[in-house]
N, C-alpha and C. Protein backbone atom coordinates (compact mmCIF):
# COMPACT_ATOMS: atom_id res chain seq x y z
N MET A 1 98.88 72.62 121.52
CA MET A 1 97.81 71.56 122.01
C MET A 1 97.81 70.58 120.67
N ILE A 2 97.21 69.65 121.12
CA ILE A 2 97.63 68.58 120.38
C ILE A 2 95.64 68.23 119.78
N TYR A 3 95.78 68.49 118.63
CA TYR A 3 94.24 68.37 118.13
C TYR A 3 94.06 66.88 117.07
N GLU A 4 92.86 66.38 117.57
CA GLU A 4 92.63 65.10 116.52
C GLU A 4 91.78 65.94 115.65
N PHE A 5 92.05 65.33 114.04
CA PHE A 5 91.19 66.14 112.98
C PHE A 5 90.77 64.69 112.24
N LEU A 6 89.33 64.62 112.15
CA LEU A 6 89.08 63.43 111.18
C LEU A 6 89.63 62.23 111.59
N LYS A 7 89.46 62.05 112.66
CA LYS A 7 89.90 60.87 113.30
C LYS A 7 91.45 60.57 113.24
N ARG A 8 91.75 61.35 112.75
CA ARG A 8 93.55 61.39 113.17
C ARG A 8 94.14 62.23 114.05
N THR A 9 95.21 61.80 115.36
CA THR A 9 95.72 62.10 116.10
C THR A 9 97.42 61.92 116.22
N PRO A 10 97.79 63.20 116.02
CA PRO A 10 99.33 63.16 116.44
C PRO A 10 99.81 62.19 117.37
N GLU A 11 100.77 61.51 116.68
CA GLU A 11 101.68 60.23 117.59
C GLU A 11 102.91 60.69 117.59
N PHE A 12 103.66 60.36 118.64
CA PHE A 12 104.65 60.82 119.57
C PHE A 12 104.86 59.89 120.86
N ASP A 13 106.05 59.88 121.31
CA ASP A 13 106.40 59.26 122.15
C ASP A 13 106.78 60.14 123.83
N ASP A 14 107.75 59.69 124.59
CA ASP A 14 107.98 60.54 125.69
C ASP A 14 109.28 60.99 125.73
N THR A 15 109.64 60.70 124.40
CA THR A 15 111.09 61.29 124.18
C THR A 15 110.92 62.53 123.34
N VAL A 16 109.53 62.87 122.66
CA VAL A 16 109.52 64.19 122.22
C VAL A 16 108.90 65.28 123.44
N PHE A 17 109.46 66.53 122.79
CA PHE A 17 109.32 67.61 123.77
C PHE A 17 108.06 68.25 122.92
N VAL A 18 107.21 68.65 123.27
CA VAL A 18 106.17 69.54 122.59
C VAL A 18 106.06 70.71 123.58
N ALA A 19 106.31 72.06 123.25
CA ALA A 19 105.96 73.02 124.21
C ALA A 19 104.31 73.41 124.31
N PRO A 20 104.17 74.01 125.49
CA PRO A 20 102.32 74.02 125.87
C PRO A 20 101.83 74.70 124.84
N SER A 21 102.26 75.82 123.99
CA SER A 21 101.63 76.73 123.14
C SER A 21 101.69 76.36 121.79
N ALA A 22 102.32 74.96 121.59
CA ALA A 22 102.57 74.50 120.11
C ALA A 22 100.91 73.95 119.79
N ASP A 23 100.57 74.00 118.53
CA ASP A 23 99.71 73.78 117.90
C ASP A 23 100.05 72.30 116.98
N ILE A 24 99.38 70.99 117.24
CA ILE A 24 99.89 69.61 116.47
C ILE A 24 98.46 69.14 115.97
N ILE A 25 98.21 69.27 114.59
CA ILE A 25 96.85 69.08 114.30
C ILE A 25 96.40 67.83 113.49
N GLY A 26 96.06 66.35 113.72
CA GLY A 26 95.58 65.34 112.47
C GLY A 26 96.78 64.61 112.55
N ASP A 27 97.01 64.25 111.17
CA ASP A 27 98.20 62.90 110.74
C ASP A 27 99.63 63.57 110.77
N VAL A 28 100.20 63.36 111.78
CA VAL A 28 101.54 64.19 112.30
C VAL A 28 102.21 62.93 112.85
N SER A 29 103.51 62.61 112.87
CA SER A 29 104.10 61.73 113.35
C SER A 29 105.62 62.01 113.67
N PHE A 30 106.19 61.88 114.72
CA PHE A 30 107.38 62.13 115.21
C PHE A 30 108.21 61.05 115.51
N GLY A 31 109.81 61.23 114.99
CA GLY A 31 110.82 59.89 115.47
C GLY A 31 111.12 60.28 116.95
N LYS A 32 112.04 59.04 117.48
CA LYS A 32 112.29 59.62 118.67
C LYS A 32 113.30 61.13 118.89
N GLU A 33 113.21 62.06 120.10
CA GLU A 33 113.98 62.69 120.60
C GLU A 33 113.71 64.49 119.67
N CYS A 34 112.30 64.39 119.03
CA CYS A 34 112.42 65.51 118.20
C CYS A 34 111.90 66.52 119.20
N SER A 35 111.61 67.90 118.99
CA SER A 35 111.44 69.11 119.93
C SER A 35 110.66 69.96 118.87
N VAL A 36 109.40 70.61 119.62
CA VAL A 36 108.52 71.35 118.93
C VAL A 36 107.98 72.50 119.98
N TRP A 37 109.04 73.44 119.69
CA TRP A 37 108.70 74.85 120.34
C TRP A 37 107.67 75.75 120.41
N PHE A 38 107.89 76.75 121.24
CA PHE A 38 106.98 77.43 121.22
C PHE A 38 106.17 78.44 120.15
N ASN A 39 104.41 78.22 120.42
CA ASN A 39 103.95 79.10 118.91
C ASN A 39 104.19 78.33 117.64
N VAL A 40 104.54 76.84 117.54
CA VAL A 40 104.37 76.03 116.41
C VAL A 40 103.25 75.81 115.87
N THR A 41 102.96 76.29 114.44
CA THR A 41 102.00 74.94 114.57
C THR A 41 102.27 74.09 113.10
N ILE A 42 101.98 72.90 113.16
CA ILE A 42 102.17 71.79 112.41
C ILE A 42 100.69 71.33 112.02
N ARG A 43 100.34 71.39 110.80
CA ARG A 43 98.75 71.30 110.64
C ARG A 43 99.09 69.81 109.68
N GLY A 44 98.61 69.04 109.92
CA GLY A 44 98.36 67.43 109.25
C GLY A 44 97.05 67.32 109.22
N ASP A 45 96.00 68.33 108.21
CA ASP A 45 94.51 68.07 108.41
C ASP A 45 94.39 67.26 107.12
N VAL A 46 94.96 67.87 106.06
CA VAL A 46 94.52 67.76 104.63
C VAL A 46 95.16 66.51 103.92
N ASN A 47 96.43 66.01 104.69
CA ASN A 47 97.40 65.38 104.16
C ASN A 47 98.46 64.97 105.50
N TYR A 48 99.43 64.10 105.31
CA TYR A 48 100.18 63.79 106.46
C TYR A 48 101.71 64.53 106.59
N ILE A 49 102.11 64.44 107.97
CA ILE A 49 103.48 65.25 108.07
C ILE A 49 104.30 64.20 108.95
N GLN A 50 105.87 64.02 108.46
CA GLN A 50 106.46 63.21 109.19
C GLN A 50 107.30 64.02 109.97
N LEU A 51 107.94 63.54 110.90
CA LEU A 51 109.41 63.96 111.34
C LEU A 51 110.12 62.67 112.05
N GLY A 52 111.62 62.85 111.32
CA GLY A 52 112.87 62.10 111.74
C GLY A 52 112.68 62.35 113.01
N ASP A 53 113.63 61.38 113.29
CA ASP A 53 114.32 61.32 114.48
C ASP A 53 115.39 62.59 115.02
N ARG A 54 115.22 63.15 115.84
CA ARG A 54 116.10 64.25 116.43
C ARG A 54 115.98 65.54 115.63
N SER A 55 114.78 65.65 115.03
CA SER A 55 114.24 66.92 114.74
C SER A 55 113.95 67.64 115.53
N ASN A 56 114.18 68.94 114.90
CA ASN A 56 113.66 70.02 115.94
C ASN A 56 113.06 71.27 115.00
N VAL A 57 111.83 71.74 115.45
CA VAL A 57 110.90 72.89 114.93
C VAL A 57 110.68 73.73 115.99
N GLN A 58 111.85 75.00 115.72
CA GLN A 58 111.75 76.32 116.77
C GLN A 58 110.63 77.09 116.61
N ASP A 59 110.58 78.18 117.38
CA ASP A 59 109.60 78.89 117.57
C ASP A 59 108.95 79.65 116.36
N ASN A 60 107.62 79.67 116.26
CA ASN A 60 106.62 80.30 115.03
C ASN A 60 106.92 79.53 113.93
N VAL A 61 107.13 78.46 113.75
CA VAL A 61 107.30 77.87 112.52
C VAL A 61 106.06 77.77 112.17
N CYS A 62 106.07 77.34 111.12
CA CYS A 62 104.41 76.85 110.66
C CYS A 62 104.73 75.69 109.65
N ILE A 63 104.17 74.68 109.25
CA ILE A 63 104.54 73.35 109.08
C ILE A 63 103.04 72.87 108.02
N HIS A 64 102.99 72.56 107.08
CA HIS A 64 101.08 72.45 106.21
C HIS A 64 101.58 71.41 105.09
N VAL A 65 100.96 71.31 104.47
CA VAL A 65 100.89 70.23 103.62
C VAL A 65 100.01 70.55 102.33
N MET A 66 100.26 70.15 101.46
CA MET A 66 99.15 70.36 100.08
C MET A 66 97.97 69.36 100.23
N ASN A 67 96.76 69.66 99.92
CA ASN A 67 95.43 69.04 100.11
C ASN A 67 95.51 67.82 99.19
N GLN A 68 95.47 66.97 99.75
CA GLN A 68 95.39 65.44 98.82
C GLN A 68 96.73 65.15 98.12
N THR A 69 97.39 66.09 97.74
CA THR A 69 98.51 65.44 96.74
C THR A 69 99.98 65.84 96.97
N GLY A 70 100.27 66.40 98.52
CA GLY A 70 101.61 66.32 98.62
C GLY A 70 101.63 66.67 100.59
N PRO A 71 102.17 65.49 100.94
CA PRO A 71 102.44 65.73 102.44
C PRO A 71 103.61 66.45 102.77
N THR A 72 104.15 66.62 104.23
CA THR A 72 105.23 67.02 104.28
C THR A 72 106.33 66.06 105.26
N ILE A 73 107.28 65.61 104.38
CA ILE A 73 108.17 64.73 105.20
C ILE A 73 109.53 65.28 105.51
N ILE A 74 109.89 65.32 106.69
CA ILE A 74 111.23 65.68 107.64
C ILE A 74 111.88 64.56 107.79
N GLY A 75 113.19 64.29 107.60
CA GLY A 75 114.30 63.43 108.05
C GLY A 75 114.82 63.55 109.29
N ASN A 76 115.91 63.07 109.40
CA ASN A 76 116.57 63.03 111.07
C ASN A 76 117.23 64.10 110.90
N GLU A 77 117.68 64.76 111.95
CA GLU A 77 118.59 65.71 112.63
C GLU A 77 118.45 67.02 111.43
N VAL A 78 117.15 67.49 111.50
CA VAL A 78 116.78 68.26 110.30
C VAL A 78 116.32 69.57 111.95
N THR A 79 116.89 70.59 111.11
CA THR A 79 116.70 72.12 112.35
C THR A 79 115.89 73.26 111.50
N ILE A 80 114.73 73.50 112.08
CA ILE A 80 114.05 74.05 111.21
C ILE A 80 113.64 75.32 112.18
N GLY A 81 114.49 76.42 111.79
CA GLY A 81 114.81 77.78 112.31
C GLY A 81 113.29 78.57 112.40
N HIS A 82 113.36 79.39 113.34
CA HIS A 82 112.54 80.24 114.13
C HIS A 82 111.90 80.85 112.45
N GLY A 83 110.11 80.92 112.97
CA GLY A 83 109.91 81.79 112.09
C GLY A 83 109.93 81.13 110.48
N ALA A 84 109.94 79.77 110.57
CA ALA A 84 110.12 79.16 109.04
C ALA A 84 109.01 78.82 108.41
N VAL A 85 108.69 78.72 107.43
CA VAL A 85 106.98 78.11 106.79
C VAL A 85 107.99 77.08 106.00
N VAL A 86 107.27 75.96 106.22
CA VAL A 86 107.75 74.74 105.51
C VAL A 86 106.38 73.80 105.00
N HIS A 87 105.78 74.03 103.55
CA HIS A 87 104.79 73.44 102.91
C HIS A 87 104.92 72.57 102.12
N GLY A 88 104.25 71.59 102.47
CA GLY A 88 104.20 70.31 101.09
C GLY A 88 105.57 69.96 100.19
N CYS A 89 106.43 69.56 101.21
CA CYS A 89 107.72 69.24 100.66
C CYS A 89 108.69 68.35 101.68
N THR A 90 109.53 67.82 100.86
CA THR A 90 110.25 66.87 101.51
C THR A 90 111.84 67.57 101.64
N ILE A 91 112.06 67.19 103.07
CA ILE A 91 113.23 67.57 103.68
C ILE A 91 114.05 66.60 104.11
N LYS A 92 115.36 66.10 103.64
CA LYS A 92 115.91 64.63 104.13
C LYS A 92 117.03 65.08 105.53
N ASP A 93 117.96 64.19 105.46
CA ASP A 93 118.49 63.88 106.70
C ASP A 93 119.51 65.18 106.91
N ARG A 94 119.66 65.72 108.23
CA ARG A 94 120.85 66.78 108.50
C ARG A 94 120.71 68.08 107.68
N VAL A 95 119.93 68.81 107.46
CA VAL A 95 119.62 70.16 107.06
C VAL A 95 118.90 71.07 107.43
N LEU A 96 119.61 72.14 107.86
CA LEU A 96 119.53 73.28 108.72
C LEU A 96 118.66 74.43 107.85
N ILE A 97 117.30 74.66 108.20
CA ILE A 97 116.59 75.77 107.55
C ILE A 97 116.46 77.03 108.26
N GLY A 98 117.37 77.97 107.60
CA GLY A 98 117.57 79.17 108.74
C GLY A 98 116.11 80.16 108.85
N ILE A 99 116.28 80.97 110.04
CA ILE A 99 115.51 81.91 110.38
C ILE A 99 114.05 82.06 109.25
N ASN A 100 113.39 82.39 109.36
CA ASN A 100 111.96 82.96 108.58
C ASN A 100 112.44 82.77 106.76
N ALA A 101 112.90 81.48 106.72
CA ALA A 101 113.05 80.94 105.37
C ALA A 101 111.70 80.25 105.23
N THR A 102 111.44 80.12 104.08
CA THR A 102 110.04 79.50 102.96
C THR A 102 110.38 78.43 102.22
N ILE A 103 110.03 77.39 102.58
CA ILE A 103 110.66 75.97 101.70
C ILE A 103 108.76 75.99 101.29
N LEU A 104 108.52 75.92 99.83
CA LEU A 104 107.66 75.91 99.03
C LEU A 104 107.16 74.27 98.56
N ASP A 105 106.23 74.08 98.22
CA ASP A 105 105.31 72.74 97.23
C ASP A 105 106.38 72.58 96.76
N GLU A 106 106.26 70.86 96.77
CA GLU A 106 107.39 69.88 95.96
C GLU A 106 108.59 70.18 95.72
N VAL A 107 109.39 71.13 96.77
CA VAL A 107 110.85 71.16 97.10
C VAL A 107 111.05 69.77 97.50
N VAL A 108 112.42 69.54 97.19
CA VAL A 108 113.28 68.56 97.57
C VAL A 108 114.45 69.34 98.33
N ILE A 109 114.84 68.56 99.40
CA ILE A 109 116.03 69.46 99.83
C ILE A 109 116.87 68.05 100.41
N GLU A 110 117.90 68.03 99.57
CA GLU A 110 118.70 66.38 99.97
C GLU A 110 119.69 66.60 100.86
N PRO A 111 119.94 65.44 101.66
CA PRO A 111 120.74 65.70 102.88
C PRO A 111 121.93 66.43 102.81
N ASP A 112 122.50 67.20 103.88
CA ASP A 112 123.51 67.99 104.24
C ASP A 112 123.33 69.10 103.38
N VAL A 113 122.29 70.09 103.59
CA VAL A 113 122.20 71.20 103.06
C VAL A 113 122.12 72.23 104.23
N ILE A 114 122.49 73.62 104.02
CA ILE A 114 122.15 74.90 104.72
C ILE A 114 120.99 75.74 103.83
N VAL A 115 120.43 75.95 104.43
CA VAL A 115 119.28 77.16 103.79
C VAL A 115 119.24 78.24 104.26
N ALA A 116 119.81 79.23 104.16
CA ALA A 116 120.27 80.46 104.72
C ALA A 116 119.10 81.14 105.04
N ALA A 117 118.93 81.72 106.36
CA ALA A 117 118.22 82.85 106.76
C ALA A 117 117.21 83.61 105.76
N GLY A 118 115.98 83.44 105.76
CA GLY A 118 115.63 84.62 104.85
C GLY A 118 115.12 83.75 103.54
N THR A 119 115.80 83.09 103.04
CA THR A 119 115.67 81.98 101.80
C THR A 119 114.14 81.79 101.40
N LEU A 120 114.00 81.95 100.09
CA LEU A 120 112.63 81.68 99.75
C LEU A 120 112.72 80.58 98.62
N VAL A 121 112.62 79.29 98.87
CA VAL A 121 112.83 77.87 97.53
C VAL A 121 111.24 77.84 97.34
N PRO A 122 111.46 78.16 95.93
CA PRO A 122 109.82 78.29 94.76
C PRO A 122 109.46 76.76 94.87
N PRO A 123 108.35 77.18 94.15
CA PRO A 123 108.05 75.01 94.16
C PRO A 123 108.87 74.44 93.41
N GLY A 124 108.53 73.11 93.67
CA GLY A 124 109.41 72.06 92.46
C GLY A 124 111.17 72.29 92.49
N LYS A 125 111.38 72.94 92.92
CA LYS A 125 112.93 72.98 93.26
C LYS A 125 113.66 71.88 94.26
N THR A 126 114.71 71.61 93.48
CA THR A 126 115.54 70.66 94.34
C THR A 126 116.92 71.18 94.55
N LEU A 127 117.32 70.70 95.95
CA LEU A 127 118.94 71.54 96.43
C LEU A 127 119.42 70.14 96.79
N GLU A 128 120.22 70.42 95.84
CA GLU A 128 121.50 69.39 95.97
C GLU A 128 122.12 69.39 97.25
N SER A 129 122.77 68.28 97.64
CA SER A 129 123.66 67.96 98.67
C SER A 129 124.83 68.36 98.98
N GLY A 130 125.13 68.81 100.08
CA GLY A 130 126.58 69.27 99.99
C GLY A 130 126.67 71.12 100.13
N TYR A 131 125.71 71.89 99.85
CA TYR A 131 125.66 73.38 99.08
C TYR A 131 125.04 74.07 100.69
N MET A 132 125.20 75.56 100.28
CA MET A 132 124.91 76.72 101.17
C MET A 132 123.56 77.31 100.09
N TYR A 133 122.54 77.43 100.12
CA TYR A 133 121.26 78.25 99.25
C TYR A 133 121.10 79.43 100.05
N MET A 134 120.88 80.39 98.99
CA MET A 134 120.63 81.33 99.54
C MET A 134 119.69 82.56 98.39
N GLY A 135 118.80 83.62 99.32
CA GLY A 135 117.89 84.22 98.32
C GLY A 135 116.94 84.19 97.76
N SER A 136 116.06 85.10 97.32
CA SER A 136 114.89 85.03 97.28
C SER A 136 114.62 84.97 95.68
N PRO A 137 114.41 84.34 94.45
CA PRO A 137 114.45 82.90 94.93
C PRO A 137 115.82 82.16 95.31
N ALA A 138 115.72 80.98 96.33
CA ALA A 138 117.06 80.84 96.38
C ALA A 138 117.99 80.10 95.54
N LYS A 139 119.42 80.13 95.71
CA LYS A 139 120.14 80.25 94.78
C LYS A 139 121.54 79.10 95.24
N LYS A 140 122.04 77.95 94.83
CA LYS A 140 123.25 77.51 95.67
C LYS A 140 124.42 79.33 95.35
N ALA A 141 124.64 79.41 96.71
CA ALA A 141 125.86 80.18 97.00
C ALA A 141 127.21 79.33 97.01
N ARG A 142 127.34 78.61 98.01
CA ARG A 142 128.64 77.92 97.66
C ARG A 142 128.45 76.64 98.53
N LYS A 143 129.68 75.81 98.34
CA LYS A 143 129.72 74.49 98.74
C LYS A 143 130.12 74.57 100.27
N LEU A 144 129.52 73.52 101.00
CA LEU A 144 129.96 73.82 102.51
C LEU A 144 130.93 73.23 102.49
N THR A 145 131.47 74.01 103.97
CA THR A 145 133.20 73.18 104.71
C THR A 145 132.24 72.14 105.45
N GLU A 146 133.48 71.81 105.56
CA GLU A 146 133.93 70.45 106.55
C GLU A 146 132.90 71.07 107.83
N GLU A 147 133.35 71.94 108.26
CA GLU A 147 133.01 72.57 109.66
C GLU A 147 131.28 72.39 109.76
N GLU A 148 130.88 73.10 108.42
CA GLU A 148 129.66 73.93 108.37
C GLU A 148 128.82 72.22 108.69
N LEU A 149 129.27 71.35 107.80
CA LEU A 149 128.57 70.08 107.80
C LEU A 149 128.47 69.21 108.99
N ALA A 150 129.48 69.12 109.72
CA ALA A 150 130.02 68.92 110.86
C ALA A 150 128.92 69.47 112.01
N SER A 151 128.51 70.86 111.75
CA SER A 151 127.47 71.42 112.54
C SER A 151 126.51 71.07 112.92
N ILE A 152 125.83 70.67 111.41
CA ILE A 152 124.16 70.14 111.24
C ILE A 152 123.78 69.81 112.25
N PRO A 153 124.49 68.50 112.61
CA PRO A 153 123.77 67.48 113.75
C PRO A 153 124.06 68.03 115.11
N LYS A 154 125.24 68.65 115.18
CA LYS A 154 125.37 69.37 116.77
C LYS A 154 123.97 70.40 117.11
N TYR A 155 123.81 71.24 115.97
CA TYR A 155 122.23 71.57 116.18
C TYR A 155 121.02 70.94 116.80
N ALA A 156 121.14 69.73 116.24
CA ALA A 156 120.21 68.27 116.61
C ALA A 156 120.71 68.31 118.03
N ASP A 157 121.60 67.49 118.37
CA ASP A 157 122.05 67.46 119.70
C ASP A 157 121.83 68.49 120.78
N ASN A 158 121.96 70.03 120.51
CA ASN A 158 121.94 71.16 121.38
C ASN A 158 120.13 70.79 121.58
N TYR A 159 119.16 70.67 120.40
CA TYR A 159 118.05 70.87 120.81
C TYR A 159 117.02 69.84 121.90
N VAL A 160 117.99 68.66 121.31
CA VAL A 160 117.66 67.30 122.36
C VAL A 160 117.88 67.67 123.93
N LYS A 161 119.27 68.40 124.02
CA LYS A 161 119.47 68.55 125.55
C LYS A 161 118.77 69.51 125.95
N TYR A 162 118.26 70.47 125.05
CA TYR A 162 117.15 71.81 125.34
C TYR A 162 116.20 71.39 126.01
N SER A 163 115.38 70.14 125.11
CA SER A 163 114.17 69.65 125.38
C SER A 163 114.25 68.78 126.45
N ARG A 164 115.35 67.83 126.93
CA ARG A 164 115.29 67.30 128.02
C ARG A 164 115.42 67.97 129.25
N ALA A 165 116.26 69.44 129.25
CA ALA A 165 116.10 70.12 130.12
C ALA A 165 114.52 70.68 130.62
N TYR A 166 113.93 71.07 129.59
CA TYR A 166 112.54 71.32 130.01
C TYR A 166 111.56 70.06 130.06
N GLN A 167 111.71 69.18 129.66
CA GLN A 167 111.11 67.83 130.26
C GLN A 167 111.55 67.43 131.64
N GLN A 168 112.75 68.16 132.08
CA GLN A 168 112.87 67.83 133.68
C GLN A 168 113.95 66.38 133.43
N LYS A 169 114.11 65.99 132.45
CA LYS A 169 114.87 64.36 132.27
C LYS A 169 116.21 64.72 133.11
N ASP A 170 116.94 65.85 132.56
CA ASP A 170 118.05 66.30 132.78
C ASP A 170 118.15 67.00 133.93
N THR A 171 118.94 67.15 135.18
CA THR A 171 118.40 68.56 136.07
C THR A 171 119.96 68.96 136.47
N TYR A 172 119.88 70.48 136.34
CA TYR A 172 121.29 71.05 136.53
C TYR A 172 120.88 72.07 137.85
N ASP A 173 121.87 72.16 138.78
CA ASP A 173 122.23 73.07 139.71
C ASP A 173 122.24 74.77 139.16
N GLU A 174 122.76 74.92 138.14
CA GLU A 174 123.00 76.07 137.38
C GLU A 174 122.73 75.53 135.48
N ASN A 175 122.45 77.27 135.00
CA ASN A 175 122.13 76.84 133.47
C ASN A 175 123.56 76.27 132.70
N PRO A 176 123.07 75.41 132.17
CA PRO A 176 124.35 74.72 131.24
C PRO A 176 124.69 75.38 130.09
N PHE A 177 123.91 75.99 129.67
CA PHE A 177 123.80 76.62 128.58
C PHE A 177 124.37 77.88 128.11
N TYR A 178 124.66 78.87 129.02
CA TYR A 178 125.02 79.89 128.67
C TYR A 178 126.21 80.25 130.01
N SER A 179 126.92 80.92 130.11
CA SER A 179 127.43 81.59 131.27
C SER A 179 127.90 83.08 131.39
N LYS A 180 127.56 83.71 132.52
CA LYS A 180 127.64 85.13 132.89
C LYS A 180 128.97 85.70 132.60
């Protein structure tokens, strides 16, 4: 559901897919071809939230802000995995946030980073470009391979395709996303 809060209404165009069970509140803006999946909460009530082009927010994610002191800014081609919590931080372009990861206040994630599933990124930490981070608290695990770097925008591409199918902008005789 899309909610106005204190005269602020989420802004997005018809290239954005929002699942019917998602809740998007207040001062939230989306770039082109974003997707917001089932049971997501994006709450821009006490500060603003911005998502860049082709970013996807998967099922059961919660995105929020810091009251008056910190928005949440998400770049282009960012994938936020199922069940993640993203709070009052900046995530730059081409980042993969793993399933059930938690990104806390004033974190900055530079471009081209993978945050492993279940990782906790504590407040104020900066994650350097080109690395995988994992653990609780997050630690630099290793440099990303060329294949891993190339895979990050492919996740964004996949979610653009999925959202187009859900919006029925692309039609298929059979499901092209899996084989039996």
